[in-house]
């Protein structure tokens, strides 16, 4: 028997919130020449601010 999927206000709100997020991957070069990568989830409106901050 298949499990029923609910489409209430709670589920729709969670889907809307998830779409407003963006994954930002920042790379840094270590002293030994290798690169390290860090990823973080930020709100879609704050992406440019995070990129500018990481360049400094």
PDB file of N, CA and C in Angstrom:
ATOM      1  N   UNK A   1       0.837  -1.163   0.000  1.00  0.00           N
ATOM      2  CA  UNK A   1       0.000   0.000   0.000  1.00  0.00           C
ATOM      3  C   UNK A   1       0.896   1.244   0.000  1.00  0.00           C
ATOM      4  N   UNK A   2       0.597   2.181  -0.835  1.00  0.00           N
ATOM      5  CA  UNK A   2       1.397   3.394  -0.970  1.00  0.00           C
ATOM      6  C   UNK A   2       1.060   4.386   0.143  1.00  0.00           C
ATOM      7  N   UNK A   3       2.062   5.143   0.521  1.00  0.00           N
ATOM      8  CA  UNK A   3       1.866   6.143   1.565  1.00  0.00           C
ATOM      9  C   UNK A   3       1.280   7.402   0.932  1.00  0.00           C
ATOM     10  N   UNK A   4       0.279   7.970   1.574  1.00  0.00           N
ATOM     11  CA  UNK A   4      -0.343   9.169   1.041  1.00  0.00           C
ATOM     12  C   UNK A   4       0.530  10.384   1.334  1.00  0.00           C
ATOM     13  N   UNK A   5       0.574  11.299   0.396  1.00  0.00           N
ATOM     14  CA  UNK A   5       1.357  12.514   0.558  1.00  0.00           C
ATOM     15  C   UNK A   5       0.409  13.663   0.889  1.00  0.00           C
ATOM     16  N   UNK A   6       0.761  14.430   1.906  1.00  0.00           N
ATOM     17  CA  UNK A   6      -0.122  15.523   2.316  1.00  0.00           C
ATOM     18  C   UNK A   6       0.329  16.826   1.672  1.00  0.00           C
ATOM     19  N   UNK A   7      -0.608  17.643   1.280  1.00  0.00           N
ATOM     20  CA  UNK A   7      -0.338  18.939   0.679  1.00  0.00           C
ATOM     21  C   UNK A   7      -1.073  20.019   1.462  1.00  0.00           C
ATOM     22  N   UNK A   8      -0.731  20.149   2.723  1.00  0.00           N
ATOM     23  CA  UNK A   8      -1.360  21.164   3.547  1.00  0.00           C
ATOM     24  C   UNK A   8      -0.570  22.461   3.491  1.00  0.00           C
ATOM     25  N   UNK A   9      -0.989  23.411   4.295  1.00  0.00           N
ATOM     26  CA  UNK A   9      -0.307  24.703   4.358  1.00  0.00           C
ATOM     27  C   UNK A   9       1.132  24.545   4.835  1.00  0.00           C
ATOM     28  N   UNK A  10       1.353  23.630   5.775  1.00  0.00           N
ATOM     29  CA  UNK A  10       2.692  23.417   6.323  1.00  0.00           C
ATOM     30  C   UNK A  10       3.660  22.930   5.248  1.00  0.00           C
ATOM     31  N   UNK A  11       3.231  21.992   4.435  1.00  0.00           N
ATOM     32  CA  UNK A  11       4.078  21.441   3.380  1.00  0.00           C
ATOM     33  C   UNK A  11       4.372  22.493   2.318  1.00  0.00           C
ATOM     34  N   UNK A  12       3.373  23.248   1.918  1.00  0.00           N
ATOM     35  CA  UNK A  12       3.569  24.286   0.906  1.00  0.00           C
ATOM     36  C   UNK A  12       4.484  25.399   1.418  1.00  0.00           C
ATOM     37  N   UNK A  13       4.385  25.749   2.697  1.00  0.00           N
ATOM     38  CA  UNK A  13       5.237  26.770   3.288  1.00  0.00           C
ATOM     39  C   UNK A  13       6.692  26.302   3.315  1.00  0.00           C
ATOM     40  N   UNK A  14       6.920  25.038   3.626  1.00  0.00           N
ATOM     41  CA  UNK A  14       8.276  24.496   3.645  1.00  0.00           C
ATOM     42  C   UNK A  14       8.883  24.492   2.246  1.00  0.00           C
ATOM     43  N   UNK A  15       8.088  24.176   1.242  1.00  0.00           N
ATOM     44  CA  UNK A  15       8.583  24.189  -0.131  1.00  0.00           C
ATOM     45  C   UNK A  15       8.936  25.604  -0.563  1.00  0.00           C
ATOM     46  N   UNK A  16       8.141  26.590  -0.184  1.00  0.00           N
ATOM     47  CA  UNK A  16       8.405  27.984  -0.546  1.00  0.00           C
ATOM     48  C   UNK A  16       9.665  28.496   0.135  1.00  0.00           C
ATOM     49  N   UNK A  17       9.883  28.123   1.386  1.00  0.00           N
ATOM     50  CA  UNK A  17      11.082  28.543   2.101  1.00  0.00           C
ATOM     51  C   UNK A  17      12.328  27.909   1.506  1.00  0.00           C
ATOM     52  N   UNK A  18      12.232  26.676   1.071  1.00  0.00           N
ATOM     53  CA  UNK A  18      13.382  25.985   0.501  1.00  0.00           C
ATOM     54  C   UNK A  18      13.810  26.617  -0.818  1.00  0.00           C
ATOM     55  N   UNK A  19      12.880  27.159  -1.564  1.00  0.00           N
ATOM     56  CA  UNK A  19      13.204  27.748  -2.852  1.00  0.00           C
ATOM     57  C   UNK A  19      13.902  29.093  -2.704  1.00  0.00           C
ATOM     58  N   UNK A  20      13.837  29.711  -1.530  1.00  0.00           N
ATOM     59  CA  UNK A  20      14.434  31.016  -1.312  1.00  0.00           C
ATOM     60  C   UNK A  20      15.873  30.912  -0.816  1.00  0.00           C
ATOM     61  N   UNK A  21      16.433  29.713  -0.769  1.00  0.00           N
ATOM     62  CA  UNK A  21      17.786  29.503  -0.285  1.00  0.00           C
ATOM     63  C   UNK A  21      18.728  29.242  -1.462  1.00  0.00           C
ATOM     64  N   UNK A  22      19.991  29.596  -1.264  1.00  0.00           N
ATOM     65  CA  UNK A  22      20.995  29.357  -2.297  1.00  0.00           C
ATOM     66  C   UNK A  22      22.223  28.739  -1.643  1.00  0.00           C
ATOM     67  N   UNK A  23      22.874  27.828  -2.343  1.00  0.00           N
ATOM     68  CA  UNK A  23      24.092  27.214  -1.839  1.00  0.00           C
ATOM     69  C   UNK A  23      25.283  27.968  -2.426  1.00  0.00           C
ATOM     70  N   UNK A  24      26.169  28.444  -1.545  1.00  0.00           N
ATOM     71  CA  UNK A  24      27.352  29.182  -1.961  1.00  0.00           C
ATOM     72  C   UNK A  24      28.566  28.327  -1.605  1.00  0.00           C
ATOM     73  N   UNK A  25      29.441  28.099  -2.584  1.00  0.00           N
ATOM     74  CA  UNK A  25      30.652  27.327  -2.364  1.00  0.00           C
ATOM     75  C   UNK A  25      31.835  28.276  -2.497  1.00  0.00           C
ATOM     76  N   UNK A  26      32.631  28.378  -1.428  1.00  0.00           N
ATOM     77  CA  UNK A  26      33.765  29.296  -1.396  1.00  0.00           C
ATOM     78  C   UNK A  26      35.044  28.467  -1.366  1.00  0.00           C
ATOM     79  N   UNK A  27      35.974  28.795  -2.252  1.00  0.00           N
ATOM     80  CA  UNK A  27      37.242  28.076  -2.285  1.00  0.00           C
ATOM     81  C   UNK A  27      38.348  28.971  -1.737  1.00  0.00           C
ATOM     82  N   UNK A  28      39.272  28.350  -1.027  1.00  0.00           N
ATOM     83  CA  UNK A  28      40.451  29.053  -0.518  1.00  0.00           C
ATOM     84  C   UNK A  28      41.672  28.197  -0.814  1.00  0.00           C
ATOM     85  N   UNK A  29      42.782  28.874  -1.095  1.00  0.00           N
ATOM     86  CA  UNK A  29      44.012  28.158  -1.396  1.00  0.00           C
ATOM     87  C   UNK A  29      44.850  28.059  -0.134  1.00  0.00           C
ATOM     88  N   UNK A  30      45.285  26.847   0.192  1.00  0.00           N
ATOM     89  CA  UNK A  30      46.096  26.612   1.376  1.00  0.00           C
ATOM     90  C   UNK A  30      47.552  26.939   1.082  1.00  0.00           C
ATOM     91  N   UNK A  31      48.383  26.940   2.133  1.00  0.00           N
ATOM     92  CA  UNK A  31      49.800  27.242   1.975  1.00  0.00           C
ATOM     93  C   UNK A  31      50.527  26.194   1.137  1.00  0.00           C
ATOM     94  N   UNK A  32      50.076  24.958   1.189  1.00  0.00           N
ATOM     95  CA  UNK A  32      50.743  23.891   0.439  1.00  0.00           C
ATOM     96  C   UNK A  32      50.268  23.795  -1.014  1.00  0.00           C
ATOM     97  N   UNK A  33      49.431  24.717  -1.463  1.00  0.00           N
ATOM     98  CA  UNK A  33      49.002  24.753  -2.850  1.00  0.00           C
ATOM     99  C   UNK A  33      47.682  24.062  -3.129  1.00  0.00           C
ATOM    100  N   UNK A  34      47.136  23.364  -2.157  1.00  0.00           N
ATOM    101  CA  UNK A  34      45.853  22.692  -2.358  1.00  0.00           C
ATOM    102  C   UNK A  34      44.714  23.665  -2.097  1.00  0.00           C
ATOM    103  N   UNK A  35      43.556  23.333  -2.635  1.00  0.00           N
ATOM    104  CA  UNK A  35      42.370  24.157  -2.448  1.00  0.00           C
ATOM    105  C   UNK A  35      41.428  23.477  -1.469  1.00  0.00           C
ATOM    106  N   UNK A  36      40.780  24.274  -0.637  1.00  0.00           N
ATOM    107  CA  UNK A  36      39.728  23.753   0.239  1.00  0.00           C
ATOM    108  C   UNK A  36      38.433  24.455  -0.126  1.00  0.00           C
ATOM    109  N   UNK A  37      37.353  23.733  -0.014  1.00  0.00           N
ATOM    110  CA  UNK A  37      36.040  24.245  -0.388  1.00  0.00           C
ATOM    111  C   UNK A  37      35.116  24.200   0.816  1.00  0.00           C
ATOM    112  N   UNK A  38      34.382  25.279   1.018  1.00  0.00           N
ATOM    113  CA  UNK A  38      33.388  25.335   2.076  1.00  0.00           C
ATOM    114  C   UNK A  38      32.068  25.717   1.442  1.00  0.00           C
ATOM    115  N   UNK A  39      31.017  25.081   1.871  1.00  0.00           N
ATOM    116  CA  UNK A  39      29.702  25.396   1.327  1.00  0.00           C
ATOM    117  C   UNK A  39      28.787  25.851   2.455  1.00  0.00           C
ATOM    118  N   UNK A  40      27.912  26.786   2.134  1.00  0.00           N
ATOM    119  CA  UNK A  40      26.940  27.250   3.104  1.00  0.00           C
ATOM    120  C   UNK A  40      25.665  27.628   2.382  1.00  0.00           C
ATOM    121  N   UNK A  41      24.569  27.479   3.096  1.00  0.00           N
ATOM    122  CA  UNK A  41      23.260  27.835   2.575  1.00  0.00           C
ATOM    123  C   UNK A  41      22.919  29.237   3.078  1.00  0.00           C
ATOM    124  N   UNK A  42      22.593  30.122   2.151  1.00  0.00           N
ATOM    125  CA  UNK A  42      22.232  31.491   2.495  1.00  0.00           C
ATOM    126  C   UNK A  42      20.926  31.833   1.794  1.00  0.00           C
ATOM    127  N   UNK A  43      20.296  32.889   2.264  1.00  0.00           N
ATOM    128  CA  UNK A  43      19.073  33.327   1.614  1.00  0.00           C
ATOM    129  C   UNK A  43      19.402  33.925   0.258  1.00  0.00           C
ATOM    130  N   UNK A  44      18.489  33.821  -0.669  1.00  0.00           N
ATOM    131  CA  UNK A  44      18.735  34.241  -2.049  1.00  0.00           C
ATOM    132  C   UNK A  44      19.075  35.724  -2.147  1.00  0.00           C
ATOM    133  N   UNK A  45      18.541  36.554  -1.290  1.00  0.00           N
ATOM    134  CA  UNK A  45      18.822  37.979  -1.331  1.00  0.00           C
ATOM    135  C   UNK A  45      20.200  38.343  -0.796  1.00  0.00           C
ATOM    136  N   UNK A  46      20.806  37.463  -0.002  1.00  0.00           N
ATOM    137  CA  UNK A  46      22.090  37.751   0.633  1.00  0.00           C
ATOM    138  C   UNK A  46      23.285  37.171  -0.126  1.00  0.00           C
ATOM    139  N   UNK A  47      23.076  36.622  -1.294  1.00  0.00           N
ATOM    140  CA  UNK A  47      24.148  35.943  -2.023  1.00  0.00           C
ATOM    141  C   UNK A  47      25.275  36.905  -2.396  1.00  0.00           C
ATOM    142  N   UNK A  48      24.937  38.061  -2.928  1.00  0.00           N
ATOM    143  CA  UNK A  48      25.963  39.015  -3.350  1.00  0.00           C
ATOM    144  C   UNK A  48      26.785  39.502  -2.161  1.00  0.00           C
ATOM    145  N   UNK A  49      26.156  39.709  -1.020  1.00  0.00           N
ATOM    146  CA  UNK A  49      26.873  40.155   0.175  1.00  0.00           C
ATOM    147  C   UNK A  49      27.859  39.087   0.648  1.00  0.00           C
ATOM    148  N   UNK A  50      27.474  37.829   0.582  1.00  0.00           N
ATOM    149  CA  UNK A  50      28.344  36.736   1.009  1.00  0.00           C
ATOM    150  C   UNK A  50      29.535  36.616   0.051  1.00  0.00           C
ATOM    151  N   UNK A  51      29.311  36.801  -1.231  1.00  0.00           N
ATOM    152  CA  UNK A  51      30.391  36.719  -2.220  1.00  0.00           C
ATOM    153  C   UNK A  51      31.384  37.844  -1.991  1.00  0.00           C
ATOM    154  N   UNK A  52      30.901  39.053  -1.772  1.00  0.00           N
ATOM    155  CA  UNK A  52      31.801  40.174  -1.509  1.00  0.00           C
ATOM    156  C   UNK A  52      32.601  39.959  -0.231  1.00  0.00           C
ATOM    157  N   UNK A  53      31.946  39.424   0.778  1.00  0.00           N
ATOM    158  CA  UNK A  53      32.604  39.158   2.061  1.00  0.00           C
ATOM    159  C   UNK A  53      33.703  38.110   1.925  1.00  0.00           C
ATOM    160  N   UNK A  54      33.474  37.103   1.108  1.00  0.00           N
ATOM    161  CA  UNK A  54      34.449  36.026   0.955  1.00  0.00           C
ATOM    162  C   UNK A  54      35.661  36.442   0.135  1.00  0.00           C
ATOM    163  N   UNK A  55      35.516  37.477  -0.706  1.00  0.00           N
ATOM    164  CA  UNK A  55      36.638  37.944  -1.520  1.00  0.00           C
ATOM    165  C   UNK A  55      37.661  38.724  -0.707  1.00  0.00           C
ATOM    166  N   UNK A  56      37.235  39.249   0.444  1.00  0.00           N
ATOM    167  CA  UNK A  56      38.141  40.058   1.255  1.00  0.00           C
ATOM    168  C   UNK A  56      39.068  39.238   2.077  1.00  0.00           C
TER     169      UNK A  56
END
